[in-house]
Amino acid sequence: MGRYLFRLPDIGEGVAEAEITAWHVKPGDHIAEDGPLLDVMTDKATVDMTSPVEGTVTAIHGDVGSMAPVGAVLVELDVAGEAPAEARQAEPEQAKAEQDVAQNARAAETPLAPPAAPVNPDPTASPATRRRAREWGIRLEDVRGTGPRGRILVEDLERQRSGGGTPSRGAAPRDAIEEIKLVGMRRKIADRMAQSKRQIPHFAYVEEFDLTELEGLRAELNAGRKQGQPKLTLLPFFMQAMVRLLPEFPSINAHYDEGAGVLKRYAAIHVGIATQTPNGLMVPVVRHAETRDLWDCARELVRVTEAARNGSAAREELSGSTITLTSLGAMGGIAATPIINHPEVAIIGPNKLTERPVIEGAFLTRRKVMNLSSSFDHRIVDGYDAASFIQRLKRLMERPALIFIDGAH
């Protein structure tokens, strides 16, 4: 019988540490080679850690939400035969110190009351269900699964969360306080939003766009689209209009490095698409929009946003944007003050499209109108330049033929 120490590997790209976001084993579990051990997160990518050996877990190190440096021992296993040389503990003093730290940490976590017996002592659930349980602060051991072989489904979590039903009027007041530790993607989002709001002096600009003509064009193009062509939303039109304008406003398609005091103005236009996913807000990127036509922008937008939602997006698809579009579609509201995606200097936010009565001369007509909200980094973009950019964008979107005529904008 040998002892195998699974350490956090070098994930690459200069990563020095990672956050533990989920455990899939506990002491006493027998795990097969390539079986799942834990999930860790670095930057915006979640990485599944699997066991390179078959064995029995004797100890795990690190709580969900804690950071582990590259090389740190995460899992100890008993394996048949002699453990690989690189996995043996070469320094007994280090092993003892690690065990002492772990024991002291466990000793300090004295429960206020004896824990209740778990409903499901060996729960099984998909990674998406486990993430939802973490977000809602639900212990999988307390949930009775209704899936095949007791597998826990999202519906089981919802039932557990609601307590099995909604109290009627006159029910006892609710005094419970739920504390949920922010870990993984939710913590990353919190940190980045705080960094952006803290470091960037935002100013907002809102303008009304009459998109009646564009909506007519969009409906006609969608009605005649060929097999394989995606349905056009408004965002590809915004992307095409921005491609036309940004070369004349290079300081808006830029990153600002405040530490170095350097503004990086990009010739390439990499459009970030703010996207709600099961893991929280992510910003997949349509790269080199300046090389794409309307249909290709729409096709790539669908591809990267779906990849972000289903968790298959690569690291390079979630970083490197030079300007961001954010839209809540029908939930877009009247106006918003979007937070800039640091280190960018601008973000454009279409709001909800509605029909409104508009006076045209002596007549009252119905028009399809939308407010466009935008935010800019006032250190880099002056109010006049921001207003000029949005007014030029308004002209293109209200007269969409100009988007597709060279030199007409």
Protein backbone atom coordinates (compact mmCIF):
# COMPACT_ATOMS: atom_id res chain seq x y z
CA MET A 1 0.00 0.00 0.00
CA GLY A 2 1.43 3.37 -1.00
CA ARG A 3 0.52 6.98 -0.30
CA TYR A 4 -0.27 9.36 -3.15
CA LEU A 5 -0.43 13.13 -2.72
CA PHE A 6 -2.45 14.96 -5.33
CA ARG A 7 -1.16 18.52 -5.67
CA LEU A 8 -2.66 21.49 -7.50
CA PRO A 9 -0.94 21.29 -10.90
CA ASP A 10 0.50 24.18 -12.85
CA ILE A 11 -2.55 25.24 -14.88
CA GLY A 12 -0.42 27.52 -17.04
CA GLU A 13 -0.68 31.14 -18.24
CA GLY A 14 1.13 32.42 -15.17
CA VAL A 15 -1.53 31.20 -12.72
CA ALA A 16 -0.08 30.99 -9.21
CA GLU A 17 -3.19 29.96 -7.28
CA ALA A 18 -6.76 28.80 -7.76
CA GLU A 19 -9.99 28.87 -5.78
CA ILE A 20 -11.60 25.62 -4.67
CA THR A 21 -15.20 25.76 -5.87
CA ALA A 22 -16.48 22.21 -5.30
CA TRP A 23 -15.44 18.90 -3.75
CA HIS A 24 -16.54 15.62 -5.31
CA VAL A 25 -14.86 13.29 -2.79
CA LYS A 26 -14.52 12.93 0.96
CA PRO A 27 -12.28 10.81 3.20
CA GLY A 28 -13.14 7.14 2.83
CA ASP A 29 -14.29 7.38 -0.79
CA HIS A 30 -12.77 4.97 -3.28
CA ILE A 31 -12.01 6.71 -6.56
CA ALA A 32 -11.14 5.25 -9.94
CA GLU A 33 -8.39 6.56 -12.15
CA ASP A 34 -9.62 9.74 -13.93
CA GLY A 35 -12.46 10.03 -11.41
CA PRO A 36 -13.49 13.59 -10.36
CA LEU A 37 -11.78 14.98 -7.25
CA LEU A 38 -12.68 18.68 -7.13
CA ASP A 39 -13.31 21.80 -9.21
CA VAL A 40 -11.06 24.85 -9.05
CA MET A 41 -11.42 28.24 -10.65
CA THR A 42 -8.78 30.55 -11.99
CA ASP A 43 -9.67 33.84 -13.63
CA LYS A 44 -13.02 32.99 -15.33
CA ALA A 45 -12.36 29.35 -16.12
CA THR A 46 -13.49 26.42 -14.00
CA VAL A 47 -11.20 23.40 -14.21
CA ASP A 48 -12.20 19.85 -13.24
CA MET A 49 -9.44 18.06 -11.33
CA THR A 50 -9.39 14.27 -11.82
CA SER A 51 -7.36 11.61 -10.08
CA PRO A 52 -4.39 10.20 -11.99
CA VAL A 53 -4.52 7.04 -9.86
CA GLU A 54 -7.04 4.63 -8.36
CA GLY A 55 -7.17 4.66 -4.59
CA THR A 56 -8.96 5.50 -1.36
CA VAL A 57 -9.19 9.11 -0.20
CA THR A 58 -7.67 9.51 3.27
CA ALA A 59 -7.73 13.32 3.56
CA ILE A 60 -8.74 16.44 1.65
CA HIS A 61 -7.29 19.91 2.20
CA GLY A 62 -9.07 23.22 1.69
CA ASP A 63 -12.64 24.45 2.10
CA VAL A 64 -14.87 25.57 -0.74
CA GLY A 65 -14.02 29.21 -1.35
CA SER A 66 -10.43 28.97 -0.14
CA MET A 67 -7.41 29.67 -2.34
CA ALA A 68 -4.73 27.05 -2.95
CA PRO A 69 -1.28 27.81 -4.41
CA VAL A 70 0.14 25.73 -7.24
CA GLY A 71 1.88 22.69 -5.72
CA ALA A 72 -0.28 22.58 -2.60
CA VAL A 73 -1.46 19.13 -1.49
CA LEU A 74 -5.22 18.91 -2.05
CA VAL A 75 -5.98 15.18 -1.71
CA GLU A 76 -4.22 12.29 0.01
CA LEU A 77 -4.92 8.77 -1.21
CA ASP A 78 -3.94 5.22 -0.30
CA VAL A 79 -3.06 3.34 -3.47
CA ALA A 80 -2.25 -0.28 -4.20
CA GLY A 81 1.46 -0.97 -4.57
CA GLU A 82 4.11 1.72 -4.49
CA ALA A 83 3.03 5.32 -5.18
CA PRO A 84 4.76 7.11 -8.07
CA ALA A 85 8.03 8.64 -6.93
CA GLU A 86 6.98 12.19 -7.73
CA ALA A 87 3.89 11.81 -5.52
CA ARG A 88 5.61 10.49 -2.38
CA GLN A 89 6.00 12.76 0.60
CA ALA A 90 9.72 13.59 0.60
CA GLU A 91 9.59 15.73 3.71
CA PRO A 92 7.82 14.07 6.69
CA GLU A 93 8.06 17.31 8.64
CA GLN A 94 6.06 19.12 5.96
CA ALA A 95 3.40 16.42 5.96
CA LYS A 96 3.10 16.61 9.74
CA ALA A 97 2.85 20.40 9.58
CA GLU A 98 0.12 20.19 6.95
CA GLN A 99 -1.79 17.67 9.03
CA ASP A 100 -1.43 19.83 12.15
CA VAL A 101 -2.80 22.86 10.30
CA ALA A 102 -5.74 20.86 8.99
CA GLN A 103 -6.48 19.36 12.44
CA ASN A 104 -6.29 22.77 14.11
CA ALA A 105 -8.62 24.24 11.49
CA ARG A 106 -11.11 21.43 12.02
CA ALA A 107 -10.87 21.79 15.79
CA ALA A 108 -11.63 25.49 15.54
CA GLU A 109 -14.81 24.79 13.63
CA THR A 110 -16.82 23.60 16.65
CA PRO A 111 -20.52 23.42 15.73
CA LEU A 112 -23.02 25.29 17.87
CA ALA A 113 -25.35 22.30 17.83
CA PRO A 114 -25.07 18.66 16.74
CA PRO A 115 -25.66 18.43 12.98
CA ALA A 116 -28.84 16.80 11.81
CA ALA A 117 -28.61 13.40 10.19
CA PRO A 118 -28.27 13.83 6.44
CA VAL A 119 -31.17 12.84 4.23
CA ASN A 120 -28.87 11.77 1.39
CA PRO A 121 -25.49 10.56 2.83
CA ASP A 122 -23.88 9.91 -0.62
CA PRO A 123 -25.54 12.50 -2.97
CA THR A 124 -25.11 12.46 -6.73
CA ALA A 125 -25.84 15.51 -8.88
CA SER A 126 -24.67 17.14 -12.09
CA PRO A 127 -22.08 19.96 -11.91
CA ALA A 128 -24.80 22.49 -12.82
CA THR A 129 -27.01 21.24 -9.97
CA ARG A 130 -24.08 21.40 -7.55
CA ARG A 131 -23.37 24.99 -8.60
CA ARG A 132 -27.01 25.94 -8.07
CA ALA A 133 -26.95 24.32 -4.62
CA ARG A 134 -23.87 26.37 -3.70
CA GLU A 135 -25.52 29.58 -4.93
CA TRP A 136 -28.62 28.88 -2.83
CA GLY A 137 -26.68 27.67 0.22
CA ILE A 138 -28.24 24.19 0.19
CA ARG A 139 -26.35 21.13 1.43
CA LEU A 140 -26.84 18.29 -1.02
CA GLU A 141 -26.78 15.85 1.90
CA ASP A 142 -30.05 17.42 3.11
CA VAL A 143 -31.87 16.95 -0.20
CA ARG A 144 -33.82 13.86 -1.21
CA GLY A 145 -33.15 13.23 -4.89
CA THR A 146 -35.97 12.15 -7.18
CA GLY A 147 -33.84 11.37 -10.24
CA PRO A 148 -32.55 7.96 -11.33
CA ARG A 149 -30.86 6.13 -8.42
CA GLY A 150 -31.55 9.07 -6.14
CA ARG A 151 -29.81 11.67 -8.32
CA ILE A 152 -30.56 15.22 -7.17
CA LEU A 153 -32.27 17.43 -9.74
CA VAL A 154 -32.70 21.21 -9.83
CA GLU A 155 -36.39 20.64 -9.09
CA ASP A 156 -35.38 18.93 -5.83
CA LEU A 157 -33.33 22.00 -4.87
CA GLU A 158 -36.26 24.30 -5.64
CA ARG A 159 -38.54 22.15 -3.51
CA GLN A 160 -36.02 22.18 -0.66
CA ARG A 161 -35.55 25.93 -0.98
CA SER A 162 -39.27 26.66 -0.85
CA GLY A 163 -39.85 24.36 2.09
CA GLY A 164 -42.35 22.31 0.11
CA GLY A 165 -44.89 25.08 -0.42
CA THR A 166 -45.82 28.72 0.07
CA PRO A 167 -47.29 29.72 3.45
CA SER A 168 -50.74 31.24 3.35
CA ARG A 169 -51.59 34.61 4.85
CA GLY A 170 -51.54 34.58 8.61
CA ALA A 171 -48.55 32.22 8.75
CA ALA A 172 -45.88 32.75 11.40
CA PRO A 173 -43.35 35.50 10.61
CA ARG A 174 -40.09 34.40 9.04
CA ASP A 175 -37.07 35.20 11.17
CA ALA A 176 -34.43 33.03 9.50
CA ILE A 177 -31.32 34.69 8.07
CA GLU A 178 -29.53 32.88 5.28
CA GLU A 179 -25.80 33.51 4.95
CA ILE A 180 -24.24 32.45 1.66
CA LYS A 181 -20.49 32.66 1.18
CA LEU A 182 -19.60 34.08 -2.21
CA VAL A 183 -17.33 31.64 -3.99
CA GLY A 184 -16.27 30.87 -7.53
CA MET A 185 -17.82 32.91 -10.32
CA ARG A 186 -20.08 34.92 -7.98
CA ARG A 187 -17.03 36.11 -6.02
CA LYS A 188 -15.16 36.92 -9.23
CA ILE A 189 -18.09 39.00 -10.45
CA ALA A 190 -18.32 40.84 -7.12
CA ASP A 191 -14.59 41.61 -7.13
CA ARG A 192 -14.55 42.83 -10.73
CA MET A 193 -17.65 44.99 -10.38
CA ALA A 194 -16.22 46.59 -7.24
CA GLN A 195 -12.89 47.16 -8.98
CA SER A 196 -14.55 48.79 -11.98
CA LYS A 197 -16.83 51.02 -9.95
CA ARG A 198 -14.07 51.95 -7.50
CA GLN A 199 -11.38 52.78 -10.07
CA ILE A 200 -13.33 54.16 -13.03
CA PRO A 201 -15.10 57.54 -12.79
CA HIS A 202 -18.22 56.61 -14.75
CA PHE A 203 -20.51 59.03 -16.49
CA ALA A 204 -23.71 57.96 -18.21
CA TYR A 205 -25.34 59.17 -21.41
CA VAL A 206 -28.86 58.19 -22.51
CA GLU A 207 -30.38 58.90 -25.92
CA GLU A 208 -33.62 57.93 -27.66
CA PHE A 209 -33.36 55.93 -30.90
CA ASP A 210 -36.21 55.59 -33.41
CA LEU A 211 -35.66 52.09 -34.80
CA THR A 212 -38.83 51.80 -36.88
CA GLU A 213 -36.91 51.62 -40.15
CA LEU A 214 -34.32 49.21 -38.79
CA GLU A 215 -37.01 46.93 -37.39
CA GLY A 216 -38.62 46.78 -40.82
CA LEU A 217 -35.28 45.81 -42.36
CA ARG A 218 -34.60 43.25 -39.66
CA ALA A 219 -38.02 41.61 -40.14
CA GLU A 220 -37.49 41.43 -43.90
CA LEU A 221 -34.02 39.91 -43.56
CA ASN A 222 -35.22 37.34 -41.04
CA ALA A 223 -38.14 36.36 -43.24
CA GLY A 224 -35.79 35.66 -46.14
CA ARG A 225 -32.83 34.17 -44.31
CA LYS A 226 -31.25 31.06 -45.77
CA GLN A 227 -30.87 27.69 -44.13
CA GLY A 228 -28.18 27.85 -41.48
CA GLN A 229 -28.39 31.61 -41.04
CA PRO A 230 -29.23 32.67 -37.47
CA LYS A 231 -32.17 34.87 -36.60
CA LEU A 232 -31.06 38.50 -36.46
CA THR A 233 -31.46 40.43 -33.22
CA LEU A 234 -30.62 44.10 -32.82
CA LEU A 235 -27.11 43.41 -31.48
CA PRO A 236 -25.48 42.46 -34.82
CA PHE A 237 -26.71 45.78 -36.25
CA PHE A 238 -25.15 47.62 -33.30
CA MET A 239 -21.92 45.72 -33.88
CA GLN A 240 -21.84 46.66 -37.57
CA ALA A 241 -22.56 50.31 -36.77
CA MET A 242 -19.81 50.37 -34.15
CA VAL A 243 -17.37 48.87 -36.66
CA ARG A 244 -18.15 51.84 -38.91
CA LEU A 245 -17.68 54.48 -36.21
CA LEU A 246 -14.95 53.34 -33.84
CA PRO A 247 -12.03 54.07 -36.18
CA GLU A 248 -13.09 57.73 -35.90
CA PHE A 249 -13.28 57.44 -32.08
CA PRO A 250 -10.18 55.33 -31.30
CA SER A 251 -10.06 56.32 -27.64
CA ILE A 252 -13.45 54.64 -27.09
CA ASN A 253 -12.22 51.28 -28.42
CA ALA A 254 -9.47 51.08 -25.84
CA HIS A 255 -8.09 49.82 -22.54
CA TYR A 256 -6.70 52.10 -19.85
CA ASP A 257 -3.86 50.81 -17.68
CA GLU A 258 -4.06 53.20 -14.73
CA GLY A 259 -0.98 51.69 -13.06
CA ALA A 260 1.23 52.48 -16.04
CA GLY A 261 -0.74 55.55 -17.09
CA VAL A 262 -1.05 54.13 -20.62
CA LEU A 263 -4.06 54.11 -22.95
CA LYS A 264 -4.03 51.20 -25.41
CA ARG A 265 -6.10 52.03 -28.49
CA TYR A 266 -6.99 48.97 -30.56
CA ALA A 267 -7.36 48.73 -34.32
CA ALA A 268 -9.16 45.40 -33.87
CA ILE A 269 -12.74 45.56 -32.61
CA HIS A 270 -13.41 42.74 -30.15
CA VAL A 271 -17.00 43.15 -28.92
CA GLY A 272 -17.81 41.75 -25.48
CA ILE A 273 -21.39 40.51 -25.07
CA ALA A 274 -22.59 40.70 -21.47
CA THR A 275 -24.36 37.36 -20.98
CA GLN A 276 -26.33 35.93 -18.07
CA THR A 277 -25.36 32.30 -17.42
CA PRO A 278 -26.15 29.73 -14.69
CA ASN A 279 -22.82 30.74 -13.12
CA GLY A 280 -23.53 34.46 -13.22
CA LEU A 281 -22.61 37.29 -15.58
CA MET A 282 -19.96 36.46 -18.18
CA VAL A 283 -18.63 38.42 -21.16
CA PRO A 284 -17.88 36.18 -24.15
CA VAL A 285 -16.21 37.97 -27.02
CA VAL A 286 -16.98 38.31 -30.74
CA ARG A 287 -13.44 38.81 -31.97
CA HIS A 288 -12.49 40.92 -34.99
CA ALA A 289 -15.98 42.22 -35.66
CA GLU A 290 -14.39 44.49 -38.28
CA THR A 291 -13.84 41.41 -40.49
CA ARG A 292 -17.40 40.06 -40.22
CA ASP A 293 -20.59 40.86 -42.09
CA LEU A 294 -24.00 41.14 -40.44
CA TRP A 295 -24.81 37.42 -40.63
CA ASP A 296 -21.37 36.37 -39.43
CA CYS A 297 -21.64 38.73 -36.43
CA ALA A 298 -25.01 37.16 -35.59
CA ARG A 299 -23.66 33.61 -36.02
CA GLU A 300 -20.60 34.23 -33.84
CA LEU A 301 -22.70 36.03 -31.22
CA VAL A 302 -24.94 32.97 -30.88
CA ARG A 303 -21.95 30.63 -30.72
CA VAL A 304 -19.99 32.43 -27.99
CA THR A 305 -23.00 33.23 -25.81
CA GLU A 306 -24.21 29.62 -25.94
CA ALA A 307 -20.70 28.42 -25.09
CA ALA A 308 -20.66 30.74 -22.07
CA ARG A 309 -24.06 29.49 -20.90
CA ASN A 310 -23.26 25.79 -21.22
CA GLY A 311 -19.77 26.09 -19.75
CA SER A 312 -17.84 25.10 -22.87
CA ALA A 313 -16.30 28.51 -23.62
CA ALA A 314 -12.50 28.55 -23.82
CA ARG A 315 -10.48 31.06 -21.81
CA GLU A 316 -9.69 33.16 -24.88
CA GLU A 317 -13.40 33.40 -25.67
CA LEU A 318 -14.06 35.05 -22.30
CA SER A 319 -11.38 37.73 -22.35
CA GLY A 320 -9.85 40.39 -24.57
CA SER A 321 -12.89 42.50 -25.44
CA THR A 322 -12.20 46.13 -26.35
CA ILE A 323 -15.76 47.45 -25.92
CA THR A 324 -18.87 45.77 -24.51
CA LEU A 325 -22.54 45.55 -25.46
CA THR A 326 -25.01 44.78 -22.69
CA SER A 327 -28.70 44.18 -23.29
CA LEU A 328 -31.53 42.67 -21.25
CA GLY A 329 -33.81 42.44 -24.27
CA ALA A 330 -37.47 42.76 -23.31
CA MET A 331 -36.41 43.29 -19.67
CA GLY A 332 -34.18 46.20 -20.67
CA GLY A 333 -36.23 48.83 -18.88
CA ILE A 334 -36.35 52.52 -19.70
CA ALA A 335 -32.73 53.35 -18.93
CA ALA A 336 -29.72 51.97 -17.06
CA THR A 337 -26.26 52.98 -15.87
CA PRO A 338 -24.15 50.00 -16.99
CA ILE A 339 -20.82 49.36 -15.27
CA ILE A 340 -17.81 49.43 -17.58
CA ASN A 341 -16.00 46.13 -18.12
CA HIS A 342 -12.57 46.99 -16.71
CA PRO A 343 -10.08 47.86 -18.27
CA GLU A 344 -12.30 49.04 -21.13
CA VAL A 345 -13.44 52.67 -21.25
CA ALA A 346 -16.99 52.34 -22.65
CA ILE A 347 -20.06 50.12 -22.55
CA ILE A 348 -23.19 50.39 -24.71
CA GLY A 349 -26.57 49.22 -23.38
CA PRO A 350 -29.67 49.04 -25.59
CA ASN A 351 -32.85 49.17 -23.51
CA LYS A 352 -36.34 47.83 -24.21
CA LEU A 353 -37.84 48.50 -27.64
CA THR A 354 -41.42 49.79 -27.41
CA GLU A 355 -44.05 51.38 -29.61
CA ARG A 356 -44.75 55.01 -28.76
CA PRO A 357 -46.95 57.74 -30.23
CA VAL A 358 -44.81 60.34 -32.02
CA ILE A 359 -45.91 63.68 -33.47
CA GLU A 360 -44.71 64.15 -37.07
CA GLY A 361 -45.84 67.54 -38.34
CA ALA A 362 -49.61 67.62 -38.07
CA PHE A 363 -49.93 63.86 -37.60
CA LEU A 364 -49.64 61.43 -34.71
CA THR A 365 -47.95 58.18 -35.69
CA ARG A 366 -46.73 55.02 -34.00
CA ARG A 367 -42.97 54.48 -33.95
CA LYS A 368 -40.70 51.76 -32.56
CA VAL A 369 -38.46 53.57 -30.10
CA MET A 370 -35.68 52.52 -27.77
CA ASN A 371 -33.55 54.33 -25.24
CA LEU A 372 -29.84 53.60 -25.47
CA SER A 373 -27.86 53.80 -22.23
CA SER A 374 -24.09 54.13 -22.24
CA SER A 375 -21.30 54.64 -19.72
CA PHE A 376 -17.82 56.05 -20.31
CA ASP A 377 -14.58 56.41 -18.37
CA HIS A 378 -14.37 60.16 -17.80
CA ARG A 379 -10.59 59.99 -17.39
CA ILE A 380 -10.34 59.07 -21.06
CA VAL A 381 -13.57 60.09 -22.80
CA ASP A 382 -14.82 63.65 -22.56
CA GLY A 383 -18.55 64.31 -22.49
CA TYR A 384 -18.49 65.96 -25.91
CA ASP A 385 -16.77 62.97 -27.51
CA ALA A 386 -19.16 60.50 -25.87
CA ALA A 387 -22.19 62.51 -27.03
CA SER A 388 -20.74 62.79 -30.54
CA PHE A 389 -20.19 59.03 -30.73
CA ILE A 390 -23.72 58.22 -29.54
CA GLN A 391 -25.29 60.78 -31.90
CA ARG A 392 -23.39 59.27 -34.83
CA LEU A 393 -24.50 55.81 -33.70
CA LYS A 394 -28.08 57.07 -33.52
CA ARG A 395 -27.90 58.34 -37.11
CA LEU A 396 -26.69 54.97 -38.41
CA MET A 397 -29.22 52.94 -36.47
CA GLU A 398 -32.12 55.20 -37.48
CA ARG A 399 -31.05 55.06 -41.15
CA PRO A 400 -29.72 51.50 -41.33
CA ALA A 401 -28.93 51.59 -45.06
CA LEU A 402 -26.03 53.90 -44.16
CA ILE A 403 -24.43 51.10 -42.13
CA PHE A 404 -23.86 49.10 -45.29
CA ILE A 405 -22.78 51.89 -47.68
CA ASP A 406 -19.08 52.65 -47.68
CA GLY A 407 -18.32 56.24 -46.77
CA ALA A 408 -21.94 57.09 -46.03
CA HIS A 409 -21.76 57.39 -42.23
